[in-house]
Amino acid sequence: MSDIFSRIEHSRTADEVVQQIESLILEGVLRAGDRLPGEREMAKQFDVSRPILRDALKTLEARGLMVTRHGGGTHVADVIGEVFSKPVMELIVNHRKAAADYLEYRREIEGLAAEYAAQRATTEDLALLDGIVTRMEAAHARADPTEEAAIDVEFHHAVGECAHNIILLHTLRSCYKLLSDGVFTNRLVVFTVSGTRDVLLEQHKAIHRAVVAGDPTAARKAAMDHITYLERAMAEAERSGDWQRISRLRLRQRTDSAETGRKP
């Protein structure tokens, strides 16, 4: 994080520092949990006095954008966590229809994000995506579902960042936070369905290829097809899980009945 702050060119006030840091949060450069450099280093980068910097950080903390941890420095606050309130989160957890609606919403919004990404991704954006896909392939080779699922979310985060639309970026982040918070606990199940891991990898690579090629139509279609497949895979995984549960109960019941019938 040593080079993300720019020198304040004019009056060098706390307000200008605040505005620059707010912009970095909005643009997704600074993310929840990121630790800011030390006070001396930040003041040097902004070319402002340390008292001005302290005033700026106090303002950001008062606005709920920064948190100071005793002995742990200053960090970007988890502002995305406020998009879904706790009562709404609990409603989503407790109602099965919410999972279907969640995927339906993601299909549309991720299609749009991929379309914009194909139109707007910079060289640096593409380098970031390349690295994520390389790590995704490595995780796939290790057959580690937990790692694959984590990189899956990271990939979609990156596509959203490549779209260069602030509202779209933070809307997507709020969606993915439901995954990272474990709201949809069955998301790992799809990686256990036979053949699904290979299909998911190829679908992510198809999105990546379309973005790299600058083909917005293909990127949108690839992203939407991916979510449609996820809907089917999750339904199949859930159905298979129900079948297994019922089969186990049936076997247990009949075994118990047979043993009871043999007793004198």
Protein backbone atom coordinates (compact mmCIF):
# COMPACT_ATOMS: atom_id res chain seq x y z
CA MET A 1 0.00 0.00 0.00
CA SER A 2 3.06 2.21 -0.21
CA ASP A 3 2.16 4.07 -3.41
CA ILE A 4 -1.62 4.49 -3.47
CA PHE A 5 -1.80 7.96 -1.93
CA SER A 6 -1.11 11.09 -3.99
CA ARG A 7 0.55 14.32 -3.00
CA ILE A 8 -1.92 17.05 -2.04
CA GLU A 9 -1.20 19.80 -4.53
CA HIS A 10 -3.03 22.84 -3.20
CA SER A 11 -4.07 24.03 0.24
CA ARG A 12 -3.07 20.77 2.01
CA THR A 13 -6.06 20.60 4.34
CA ALA A 14 -7.51 17.65 6.23
CA ASP A 15 -10.58 17.81 3.97
CA GLU A 16 -8.46 17.07 0.91
CA VAL A 17 -6.89 14.06 2.61
CA VAL A 18 -10.34 12.83 3.65
CA GLN A 19 -11.68 13.19 0.12
CA GLN A 20 -8.79 11.23 -1.39
CA ILE A 21 -9.12 8.36 1.08
CA GLU A 22 -12.89 8.27 0.61
CA SER A 23 -12.38 8.01 -3.15
CA LEU A 24 -9.98 5.09 -2.68
CA ILE A 25 -12.61 3.29 -0.59
CA LEU A 26 -15.36 4.00 -3.12
CA GLU A 27 -13.22 2.77 -6.02
CA GLY A 28 -12.40 -0.44 -4.19
CA VAL A 29 -8.68 0.28 -3.92
CA LEU A 30 -8.94 0.30 -0.12
CA ARG A 31 -11.00 -2.63 1.13
CA ALA A 32 -12.45 -3.65 4.47
CA GLY A 33 -9.70 -4.64 6.88
CA ASP A 34 -6.85 -3.01 4.95
CA ARG A 35 -4.32 -1.46 7.29
CA LEU A 36 -3.11 2.04 6.47
CA PRO A 37 0.62 2.84 6.49
CA GLY A 38 2.12 4.48 9.55
CA GLU A 39 1.41 8.14 10.24
CA ARG A 40 4.86 9.32 9.19
CA GLU A 41 4.72 7.44 5.86
CA MET A 42 1.20 8.64 5.06
CA ALA A 43 2.03 12.25 5.86
CA LYS A 44 5.04 11.98 3.54
CA GLN A 45 2.97 10.56 0.68
CA PHE A 46 0.27 13.20 1.02
CA ASP A 47 2.91 15.89 1.65
CA VAL A 48 0.94 17.22 4.61
CA SER A 49 1.81 17.79 8.24
CA ARG A 50 1.12 15.02 10.74
CA PRO A 51 -1.46 17.13 12.63
CA ILE A 52 -3.42 17.56 9.36
CA LEU A 53 -3.24 13.82 8.76
CA ARG A 54 -4.44 13.07 12.30
CA ASP A 55 -7.41 15.39 11.81
CA ALA A 56 -8.29 13.62 8.57
CA LEU A 57 -8.13 10.17 10.16
CA LYS A 58 -10.28 11.34 13.08
CA THR A 59 -12.88 12.60 10.60
CA LEU A 60 -12.86 9.28 8.73
CA GLU A 61 -13.19 7.36 11.98
CA ALA A 62 -16.10 9.55 13.08
CA ARG A 63 -17.83 8.77 9.77
CA GLY A 64 -17.41 5.06 10.39
CA LEU A 65 -14.96 4.54 7.54
CA MET A 66 -11.88 3.80 9.67
CA VAL A 67 -11.24 1.95 12.92
CA THR A 68 -8.20 2.31 15.14
CA ARG A 69 -7.05 -0.81 16.93
CA HIS A 70 -4.94 -0.38 20.04
CA GLY A 71 -1.42 -1.34 19.05
CA GLY A 72 -2.67 -2.49 15.66
CA GLY A 73 -2.83 0.68 13.59
CA THR A 74 -5.67 2.17 11.54
CA HIS A 75 -7.80 -0.06 9.32
CA VAL A 76 -10.59 0.40 6.78
CA ALA A 77 -13.89 -0.35 8.49
CA ASP A 78 -16.22 -3.10 7.31
CA VAL A 79 -18.62 -0.65 5.70
CA ILE A 80 -20.00 -3.31 3.34
CA GLY A 81 -21.35 -5.20 6.34
CA GLU A 82 -23.98 -2.51 6.80
CA VAL A 83 -25.65 -3.11 3.42
CA PHE A 84 -27.64 -6.02 4.84
CA SER A 85 -28.84 -5.41 8.38
CA LYS A 86 -28.78 -8.27 10.89
CA PRO A 87 -32.57 -8.79 10.77
CA VAL A 88 -32.47 -9.02 6.97
CA MET A 89 -29.55 -11.45 7.14
CA GLU A 90 -31.54 -13.67 9.49
CA LEU A 91 -34.53 -13.57 7.17
CA ILE A 92 -32.34 -14.65 4.25
CA VAL A 93 -30.87 -17.52 6.27
CA ASN A 94 -34.26 -18.81 7.38
CA HIS A 95 -36.12 -18.72 4.07
CA ARG A 96 -35.14 -21.11 1.29
CA LYS A 97 -36.59 -18.91 -1.46
CA ALA A 98 -33.94 -16.30 -0.68
CA ALA A 99 -31.19 -18.57 -2.04
CA ALA A 100 -32.97 -18.89 -5.38
CA ASP A 101 -33.63 -15.15 -5.52
CA TYR A 102 -29.99 -14.50 -4.63
CA LEU A 103 -28.76 -16.49 -7.63
CA GLU A 104 -31.36 -14.92 -9.91
CA TYR A 105 -30.15 -11.47 -8.88
CA ARG A 106 -26.50 -12.46 -9.25
CA ARG A 107 -27.11 -13.76 -12.78
CA GLU A 108 -28.28 -10.35 -13.96
CA ILE A 109 -25.82 -8.19 -12.06
CA GLU A 110 -22.77 -10.37 -12.81
CA GLY A 111 -23.73 -10.43 -16.47
CA LEU A 112 -23.69 -6.64 -16.45
CA ALA A 113 -20.39 -6.55 -14.53
CA ALA A 114 -18.72 -8.90 -17.02
CA GLU A 115 -20.05 -6.85 -19.93
CA TYR A 116 -18.61 -3.65 -18.47
CA ALA A 117 -15.36 -5.42 -17.57
CA ALA A 118 -14.88 -6.48 -21.20
CA GLN A 119 -15.33 -2.85 -22.24
CA ARG A 120 -13.33 -1.16 -19.50
CA ALA A 121 -10.66 -3.48 -18.06
CA THR A 122 -7.18 -1.95 -18.06
CA THR A 123 -3.89 -3.74 -18.56
CA GLU A 124 -3.44 -3.84 -14.80
CA ASP A 125 -6.95 -5.27 -14.33
CA LEU A 126 -6.22 -8.05 -16.81
CA ALA A 127 -2.93 -8.85 -15.06
CA LEU A 128 -4.85 -9.23 -11.78
CA LEU A 129 -7.41 -11.52 -13.42
CA ASP A 130 -4.64 -13.58 -15.04
CA GLY A 131 -3.08 -14.19 -11.65
CA ILE A 132 -6.37 -15.24 -10.07
CA VAL A 133 -7.14 -17.70 -12.88
CA THR A 134 -3.65 -19.20 -12.54
CA ARG A 135 -4.22 -19.75 -8.83
CA MET A 136 -7.69 -21.12 -9.57
CA GLU A 137 -6.19 -23.73 -11.90
CA ALA A 138 -3.63 -24.68 -9.25
CA ALA A 139 -6.32 -25.08 -6.59
CA HIS A 140 -8.33 -27.19 -9.01
CA ALA A 141 -5.32 -29.46 -9.56
CA ARG A 142 -5.01 -29.90 -5.78
CA ALA A 143 -8.73 -30.77 -5.59
CA ASP A 144 -9.24 -28.54 -2.56
CA PRO A 145 -12.95 -27.49 -2.53
CA THR A 146 -12.50 -24.91 0.23
CA GLU A 147 -9.65 -23.18 -1.61
CA GLU A 148 -11.50 -23.38 -4.92
CA ALA A 149 -14.59 -21.78 -3.38
CA ALA A 150 -12.52 -18.95 -1.89
CA ILE A 151 -10.79 -18.20 -5.20
CA ASP A 152 -14.17 -18.43 -6.94
CA VAL A 153 -15.41 -15.48 -4.87
CA GLU A 154 -12.13 -13.61 -5.39
CA PHE A 155 -12.48 -14.03 -9.16
CA HIS A 156 -15.98 -12.56 -9.20
CA HIS A 157 -14.80 -9.71 -6.97
CA ALA A 158 -12.09 -8.92 -9.50
CA VAL A 159 -14.48 -8.96 -12.46
CA GLY A 160 -16.67 -6.49 -10.55
CA GLU A 161 -13.65 -4.26 -9.99
CA CYS A 162 -12.80 -4.41 -13.71
CA ALA A 163 -16.27 -3.00 -14.48
CA HIS A 164 -15.18 0.37 -13.02
CA ASN A 165 -18.65 1.25 -11.71
CA ILE A 166 -18.70 2.25 -8.05
CA ILE A 167 -22.33 1.30 -7.33
CA LEU A 168 -22.02 -2.01 -9.15
CA LEU A 169 -18.79 -2.76 -7.29
CA HIS A 170 -20.26 -2.29 -3.82
CA THR A 171 -23.52 -4.02 -4.69
CA LEU A 172 -21.54 -7.08 -5.76
CA ARG A 173 -19.38 -6.92 -2.66
CA SER A 174 -22.48 -6.96 -0.47
CA CYS A 175 -23.69 -10.05 -2.36
CA TYR A 176 -20.39 -11.88 -1.94
CA LYS A 177 -20.27 -10.99 1.74
CA LEU A 178 -23.30 -13.23 2.20
CA LEU A 179 -21.11 -16.06 0.94
CA SER A 180 -18.07 -15.22 3.07
CA ASP A 181 -20.28 -14.87 6.17
CA GLY A 182 -21.64 -18.37 5.60
CA VAL A 183 -25.22 -17.29 4.95
CA PHE A 184 -25.47 -19.81 2.11
CA THR A 185 -23.81 -22.73 3.86
CA ASN A 186 -24.40 -25.16 0.99
CA ARG A 187 -22.17 -23.29 -1.47
CA LEU A 188 -19.34 -25.81 -0.97
CA VAL A 189 -21.65 -28.70 -1.80
CA VAL A 190 -21.62 -27.92 -5.52
CA PHE A 191 -17.88 -28.65 -5.62
CA THR A 192 -18.59 -32.22 -4.47
CA VAL A 193 -21.02 -33.07 -7.28
CA SER A 194 -19.35 -35.31 -9.86
CA GLY A 195 -17.96 -33.31 -12.79
CA THR A 196 -18.99 -29.94 -11.37
CA ARG A 197 -15.48 -28.77 -10.48
CA ASP A 198 -14.29 -29.17 -14.07
CA VAL A 199 -17.31 -27.34 -15.44
CA LEU A 200 -16.96 -24.45 -12.99
CA LEU A 201 -13.29 -24.00 -13.84
CA GLU A 202 -14.03 -23.90 -17.56
CA GLN A 203 -16.87 -21.40 -17.02
CA HIS A 204 -14.60 -19.05 -15.07
CA LYS A 205 -11.98 -19.35 -17.82
CA ALA A 206 -14.66 -18.55 -20.43
CA ILE A 207 -15.55 -15.34 -18.56
CA HIS A 208 -11.86 -14.51 -18.32
CA ARG A 209 -11.27 -15.13 -22.05
CA ALA A 210 -14.19 -12.90 -23.04
CA VAL A 211 -13.03 -10.05 -20.78
CA VAL A 212 -9.46 -10.34 -22.09
CA ALA A 213 -10.77 -10.39 -25.67
CA GLY A 214 -12.83 -7.25 -25.01
CA ASP A 215 -16.04 -9.02 -26.10
CA PRO A 216 -18.85 -7.64 -23.91
CA THR A 217 -21.58 -9.83 -25.42
CA ALA A 218 -19.61 -13.03 -24.86
CA ALA A 219 -18.59 -11.91 -21.37
CA ARG A 220 -22.18 -11.22 -20.33
CA LYS A 221 -23.37 -14.56 -21.72
CA ALA A 222 -20.54 -16.50 -20.05
CA ALA A 223 -21.26 -14.89 -16.67
CA MET A 224 -25.01 -15.52 -16.89
CA ASP A 225 -24.54 -19.10 -18.11
CA HIS A 226 -22.27 -19.69 -15.11
CA ILE A 227 -24.96 -18.66 -12.63
CA THR A 228 -27.62 -20.67 -14.46
CA TYR A 229 -25.38 -23.72 -14.14
CA LEU A 230 -24.85 -22.99 -10.44
CA GLU A 231 -28.61 -22.95 -9.92
CA ARG A 232 -28.94 -26.41 -11.46
CA ALA A 233 -25.89 -27.81 -9.65
CA MET A 234 -27.05 -26.55 -6.26
CA ALA A 235 -30.53 -27.97 -6.82
CA GLU A 236 -29.01 -31.32 -7.81
CA ALA A 237 -26.67 -31.33 -4.80
CA GLU A 238 -29.54 -30.52 -2.47
CA ARG A 239 -31.75 -33.18 -4.04
CA SER A 240 -28.97 -35.78 -3.78
CA GLY A 241 -28.42 -34.82 -0.15
CA ASP A 242 -32.11 -35.32 0.59
CA TRP A 243 -32.06 -38.69 -1.14
CA GLN A 244 -29.05 -39.79 0.91
CA ARG A 245 -30.64 -38.59 4.15
CA ILE A 246 -33.88 -40.44 3.41
CA SER A 247 -32.00 -43.60 2.36
CA ARG A 248 -30.05 -43.59 5.62
CA LEU A 249 -33.22 -43.15 7.66
CA ARG A 250 -34.96 -45.91 5.70
CA LEU A 251 -32.03 -48.30 6.21
CA ARG A 252 -31.83 -47.47 9.91
CA GLN A 253 -35.56 -47.96 10.41
CA ARG A 254 -35.67 -51.30 8.59
CA THR A 255 -32.55 -52.56 10.36
CA ASP A 256 -34.06 -51.65 13.72
CA SER A 257 -37.35 -53.30 12.77
CA ALA A 258 -35.61 -56.48 11.66
CA GLU A 259 -33.62 -56.66 14.92
CA THR A 260 -36.75 -56.03 16.96
CA GLY A 261 -38.57 -58.78 15.07
CA ARG A 262 -35.82 -61.29 15.87
CA LYS A 263 -36.00 -60.72 19.62
CA PRO A 264 -37.77 -63.48 21.58
